[in-house]
Amino acid sequence: MSRTSRVAQLTVAALAALAALALPVVMTPTASADIGHCLKYLERIGIDTERSHDNACAHGELGFHSDYHFERCVDELLDSGVKAYDARRACERATW
């Protein structure tokens, strides 16, 4: 076997091993947040959800990546009459 063939085989083997190691990273689902978790929590505690709640929970959904959006979610729910404890819990659920 020539030296070139062995180098080519080793290169292919190394690339295959690298691809096998990278596959789990590629296949891992991204963390997802869901506005629905926030709204369901609000409904479960007896709040009739409105458009303002949708908007607040949408910020909560973005709160997974940003404290600003999480706090905005809480503030908007507080402004719509949701108690502080419940507002934080709802916004936490939006980041799930």
N, C-alpha and C. Protein backbone atom coordinates (compact mmCIF):
# COMPACT_ATOMS: atom_id res chain seq x y z
N MET A 1 0.85 -1.17 0.00
CA MET A 1 0.00 0.00 0.00
C MET A 1 0.90 1.24 0.00
N SER A 2 0.60 2.17 -0.82
CA SER A 2 1.44 3.36 -0.93
C SER A 2 1.19 4.28 0.26
N ARG A 3 2.16 5.14 0.47
CA ARG A 3 2.08 6.10 1.57
C ARG A 3 0.88 7.02 1.38
N THR A 4 0.58 7.41 0.15
CA THR A 4 -0.56 8.28 -0.15
C THR A 4 -1.88 7.62 0.23
N SER A 5 -2.00 6.32 -0.04
CA SER A 5 -3.22 5.59 0.29
C SER A 5 -3.44 5.54 1.79
N ARG A 6 -2.35 5.31 2.54
CA ARG A 6 -2.48 5.25 4.01
C ARG A 6 -2.87 6.61 4.57
N VAL A 7 -2.29 7.66 4.05
CA VAL A 7 -2.64 9.01 4.50
C VAL A 7 -4.11 9.30 4.20
N ALA A 8 -4.56 8.90 3.02
CA ALA A 8 -5.96 9.12 2.65
C ALA A 8 -6.88 8.33 3.57
N GLN A 9 -6.51 7.07 3.87
CA GLN A 9 -7.34 6.25 4.75
C GLN A 9 -7.40 6.84 6.16
N LEU A 10 -6.26 7.30 6.66
CA LEU A 10 -6.23 7.90 7.99
C LEU A 10 -7.04 9.20 8.03
N THR A 11 -6.96 9.95 6.96
CA THR A 11 -7.74 11.19 6.89
C THR A 11 -9.23 10.90 6.90
N VAL A 12 -9.65 9.92 6.12
CA VAL A 12 -11.06 9.54 6.08
C VAL A 12 -11.50 9.02 7.45
N ALA A 13 -10.68 8.20 8.08
CA ALA A 13 -11.01 7.66 9.40
C ALA A 13 -11.12 8.78 10.43
N ALA A 14 -10.21 9.73 10.38
CA ALA A 14 -10.24 10.85 11.32
C ALA A 14 -11.49 11.70 11.11
N LEU A 15 -11.84 11.95 9.87
CA LEU A 15 -13.05 12.73 9.57
C LEU A 15 -14.31 12.00 10.02
N ALA A 16 -14.34 10.69 9.83
CA ALA A 16 -15.49 9.89 10.26
C ALA A 16 -15.63 9.93 11.78
N ALA A 17 -14.51 9.83 12.49
CA ALA A 17 -14.54 9.89 13.95
C ALA A 17 -15.01 11.26 14.42
N LEU A 18 -14.53 12.30 13.78
CA LEU A 18 -14.94 13.66 14.12
C LEU A 18 -16.42 13.86 13.87
N ALA A 19 -16.92 13.35 12.77
CA ALA A 19 -18.35 13.46 12.46
C ALA A 19 -19.17 12.71 13.49
N ALA A 20 -18.70 11.55 13.93
CA ALA A 20 -19.43 10.76 14.93
C ALA A 20 -19.49 11.50 16.26
N LEU A 21 -18.42 12.22 16.60
CA LEU A 21 -18.42 13.00 17.83
C LEU A 21 -19.33 14.22 17.73
N ALA A 22 -19.42 14.80 16.56
CA ALA A 22 -20.22 16.01 16.38
C ALA A 22 -21.70 15.72 16.24
N LEU A 23 -22.06 14.52 15.85
CA LEU A 23 -23.46 14.17 15.60
C LEU A 23 -24.37 14.43 16.80
N PRO A 24 -24.01 14.02 18.02
CA PRO A 24 -24.91 14.30 19.15
C PRO A 24 -25.15 15.79 19.36
N VAL A 25 -24.14 16.60 19.11
CA VAL A 25 -24.31 18.05 19.27
C VAL A 25 -25.29 18.58 18.24
N VAL A 26 -25.19 18.11 17.02
CA VAL A 26 -26.08 18.55 15.95
C VAL A 26 -27.50 18.07 16.20
N MET A 27 -27.66 16.87 16.73
CA MET A 27 -28.97 16.27 16.91
C MET A 27 -29.67 16.73 18.19
N THR A 28 -28.95 17.36 19.12
CA THR A 28 -29.56 17.80 20.36
C THR A 28 -30.53 18.93 20.06
N PRO A 29 -31.78 18.81 20.53
CA PRO A 29 -32.74 19.87 20.27
C PRO A 29 -32.36 21.14 21.02
N THR A 30 -32.68 22.25 20.43
CA THR A 30 -32.41 23.52 21.10
C THR A 30 -33.42 23.69 22.22
N ALA A 31 -33.04 24.45 23.21
CA ALA A 31 -33.97 24.72 24.30
C ALA A 31 -35.13 25.53 23.73
N SER A 32 -36.30 25.13 24.08
CA SER A 32 -37.45 25.84 23.53
C SER A 32 -38.26 26.44 24.66
N ALA A 33 -38.75 27.58 24.42
CA ALA A 33 -39.64 28.25 25.36
C ALA A 33 -41.02 28.28 24.73
N ASP A 34 -42.02 28.43 25.58
CA ASP A 34 -43.38 28.33 25.05
C ASP A 34 -44.31 29.29 25.77
N ILE A 35 -44.88 30.18 25.01
CA ILE A 35 -45.86 31.14 25.53
C ILE A 35 -47.06 30.41 26.13
N GLY A 36 -47.38 29.24 25.59
CA GLY A 36 -48.53 28.47 26.06
C GLY A 36 -48.42 28.06 27.52
N HIS A 37 -47.21 27.74 27.98
CA HIS A 37 -47.03 27.36 29.39
C HIS A 37 -47.40 28.52 30.30
N CYS A 38 -47.01 29.70 29.91
CA CYS A 38 -47.32 30.92 30.67
C CYS A 38 -48.83 31.15 30.72
N LEU A 39 -49.46 31.10 29.57
CA LEU A 39 -50.91 31.36 29.51
C LEU A 39 -51.70 30.28 30.24
N LYS A 40 -51.30 29.03 30.12
CA LYS A 40 -52.00 27.95 30.83
C LYS A 40 -51.90 28.12 32.33
N TYR A 41 -50.73 28.56 32.80
CA TYR A 41 -50.58 28.81 34.24
C TYR A 41 -51.56 29.90 34.69
N LEU A 42 -51.62 30.99 33.93
CA LEU A 42 -52.52 32.08 34.29
C LEU A 42 -53.97 31.60 34.30
N GLU A 43 -54.35 30.82 33.32
CA GLU A 43 -55.72 30.29 33.27
C GLU A 43 -55.98 29.34 34.42
N ARG A 44 -54.99 28.54 34.77
CA ARG A 44 -55.16 27.57 35.86
C ARG A 44 -55.37 28.26 37.21
N ILE A 45 -54.81 29.46 37.37
CA ILE A 45 -55.02 30.18 38.64
C ILE A 45 -56.23 31.10 38.58
N GLY A 46 -57.00 30.99 37.50
CA GLY A 46 -58.28 31.69 37.42
C GLY A 46 -58.28 33.02 36.70
N ILE A 47 -57.26 33.29 35.92
CA ILE A 47 -57.21 34.55 35.18
C ILE A 47 -57.68 34.32 33.75
N ASP A 48 -58.65 35.13 33.32
CA ASP A 48 -59.09 35.09 31.92
C ASP A 48 -58.05 35.83 31.10
N THR A 49 -57.33 35.10 30.28
CA THR A 49 -56.23 35.71 29.54
C THR A 49 -56.74 36.59 28.40
N GLU A 50 -56.02 37.68 28.20
CA GLU A 50 -56.34 38.66 27.16
C GLU A 50 -55.09 38.89 26.32
N ARG A 51 -55.22 39.80 25.37
CA ARG A 51 -54.09 40.13 24.49
C ARG A 51 -52.89 40.64 25.28
N SER A 52 -53.14 41.40 26.35
CA SER A 52 -52.03 41.92 27.15
C SER A 52 -51.24 40.78 27.80
N HIS A 53 -51.94 39.72 28.17
CA HIS A 53 -51.26 38.56 28.74
C HIS A 53 -50.44 37.84 27.67
N ASP A 54 -50.99 37.77 26.46
CA ASP A 54 -50.25 37.16 25.34
C ASP A 54 -48.93 37.89 25.12
N ASN A 55 -49.01 39.23 25.10
CA ASN A 55 -47.81 40.03 24.87
C ASN A 55 -46.79 39.84 25.99
N ALA A 56 -47.28 39.84 27.22
CA ALA A 56 -46.38 39.65 28.36
C ALA A 56 -45.70 38.29 28.28
N CYS A 57 -46.48 37.26 28.02
CA CYS A 57 -45.92 35.91 27.95
C CYS A 57 -44.96 35.76 26.77
N ALA A 58 -45.19 36.51 25.71
CA ALA A 58 -44.26 36.49 24.58
C ALA A 58 -42.89 37.02 25.02
N HIS A 59 -42.90 38.05 25.87
CA HIS A 59 -41.63 38.54 26.42
C HIS A 59 -41.01 37.48 27.34
N GLY A 60 -41.86 36.79 28.09
CA GLY A 60 -41.35 35.72 28.94
C GLY A 60 -40.68 34.63 28.14
N GLU A 61 -41.24 34.33 27.00
CA GLU A 61 -40.66 33.32 26.11
C GLU A 61 -39.25 33.73 25.70
N LEU A 62 -39.06 35.01 25.42
CA LEU A 62 -37.74 35.53 25.07
C LEU A 62 -36.83 35.64 26.29
N GLY A 63 -37.43 35.59 27.48
CA GLY A 63 -36.68 35.68 28.72
C GLY A 63 -35.72 34.53 28.92
N PHE A 64 -35.91 33.46 28.17
CA PHE A 64 -34.98 32.33 28.22
C PHE A 64 -33.58 32.81 27.84
N HIS A 65 -33.51 33.80 26.97
CA HIS A 65 -32.23 34.32 26.49
C HIS A 65 -31.87 35.68 27.07
N SER A 66 -32.80 36.31 27.80
CA SER A 66 -32.56 37.69 28.20
C SER A 66 -33.31 38.03 29.48
N ASP A 67 -32.59 38.54 30.47
CA ASP A 67 -33.24 38.98 31.71
C ASP A 67 -34.18 40.15 31.45
N TYR A 68 -33.83 41.00 30.48
CA TYR A 68 -34.69 42.15 30.16
C TYR A 68 -36.09 41.67 29.80
N HIS A 69 -36.19 40.68 28.93
CA HIS A 69 -37.50 40.21 28.50
C HIS A 69 -38.24 39.51 29.64
N PHE A 70 -37.52 38.80 30.48
CA PHE A 70 -38.16 38.15 31.62
C PHE A 70 -38.78 39.20 32.54
N GLU A 71 -38.01 40.23 32.86
CA GLU A 71 -38.53 41.29 33.73
C GLU A 71 -39.67 42.05 33.07
N ARG A 72 -39.59 42.23 31.77
CA ARG A 72 -40.69 42.91 31.06
C ARG A 72 -41.96 42.07 31.13
N CYS A 73 -41.83 40.76 31.01
CA CYS A 73 -42.96 39.85 31.15
C CYS A 73 -43.61 40.06 32.52
N VAL A 74 -42.79 40.03 33.56
CA VAL A 74 -43.31 40.20 34.92
C VAL A 74 -43.99 41.56 35.06
N ASP A 75 -43.32 42.62 34.61
CA ASP A 75 -43.89 43.97 34.73
C ASP A 75 -45.22 44.10 34.01
N GLU A 76 -45.32 43.54 32.81
CA GLU A 76 -46.58 43.65 32.06
C GLU A 76 -47.70 42.86 32.74
N LEU A 77 -47.36 41.72 33.31
CA LEU A 77 -48.39 40.97 34.03
C LEU A 77 -48.81 41.71 35.29
N LEU A 78 -47.86 42.32 35.98
CA LEU A 78 -48.20 43.12 37.16
C LEU A 78 -49.12 44.27 36.77
N ASP A 79 -48.81 44.93 35.66
CA ASP A 79 -49.64 46.05 35.19
C ASP A 79 -51.06 45.60 34.84
N SER A 80 -51.21 44.33 34.48
CA SER A 80 -52.55 43.84 34.12
C SER A 80 -53.28 43.24 35.33
N GLY A 81 -52.69 43.40 36.52
CA GLY A 81 -53.38 42.99 37.73
C GLY A 81 -53.00 41.63 38.29
N VAL A 82 -52.03 40.97 37.70
CA VAL A 82 -51.59 39.66 38.21
C VAL A 82 -50.71 39.90 39.43
N LYS A 83 -50.88 39.09 40.47
CA LYS A 83 -50.07 39.21 41.69
C LYS A 83 -48.62 38.89 41.36
N ALA A 84 -47.70 39.49 42.13
CA ALA A 84 -46.27 39.37 41.86
C ALA A 84 -45.80 37.92 41.81
N TYR A 85 -46.22 37.12 42.78
CA TYR A 85 -45.80 35.71 42.81
C TYR A 85 -46.26 35.00 41.54
N ASP A 86 -47.52 35.20 41.19
CA ASP A 86 -48.08 34.52 40.02
C ASP A 86 -47.45 35.03 38.72
N ALA A 87 -47.14 36.31 38.67
CA ALA A 87 -46.51 36.87 37.47
C ALA A 87 -45.14 36.22 37.23
N ARG A 88 -44.36 36.10 38.29
CA ARG A 88 -43.04 35.48 38.15
C ARG A 88 -43.16 34.02 37.76
N ARG A 89 -44.09 33.31 38.38
CA ARG A 89 -44.28 31.89 38.06
C ARG A 89 -44.70 31.72 36.59
N ALA A 90 -45.61 32.57 36.13
CA ALA A 90 -46.07 32.47 34.74
C ALA A 90 -44.91 32.74 33.78
N CYS A 91 -44.13 33.76 34.07
CA CYS A 91 -43.00 34.09 33.18
C CYS A 91 -41.93 33.01 33.22
N GLU A 92 -41.74 32.38 34.37
CA GLU A 92 -40.80 31.25 34.44
C GLU A 92 -41.27 30.13 33.53
N ARG A 93 -42.56 29.88 33.52
CA ARG A 93 -43.10 28.81 32.68
C ARG A 93 -42.94 29.12 31.19
N ALA A 94 -42.94 30.39 30.85
CA ALA A 94 -42.75 30.76 29.44
C ALA A 94 -41.35 30.41 28.96
N THR A 95 -40.41 30.28 29.89
CA THR A 95 -39.03 29.95 29.49
C THR A 95 -38.80 28.45 29.39
N TRP A 96 -39.78 27.63 29.72
CA TRP A 96 -39.61 26.16 29.68
C TRP A 96 -39.47 25.69 28.27
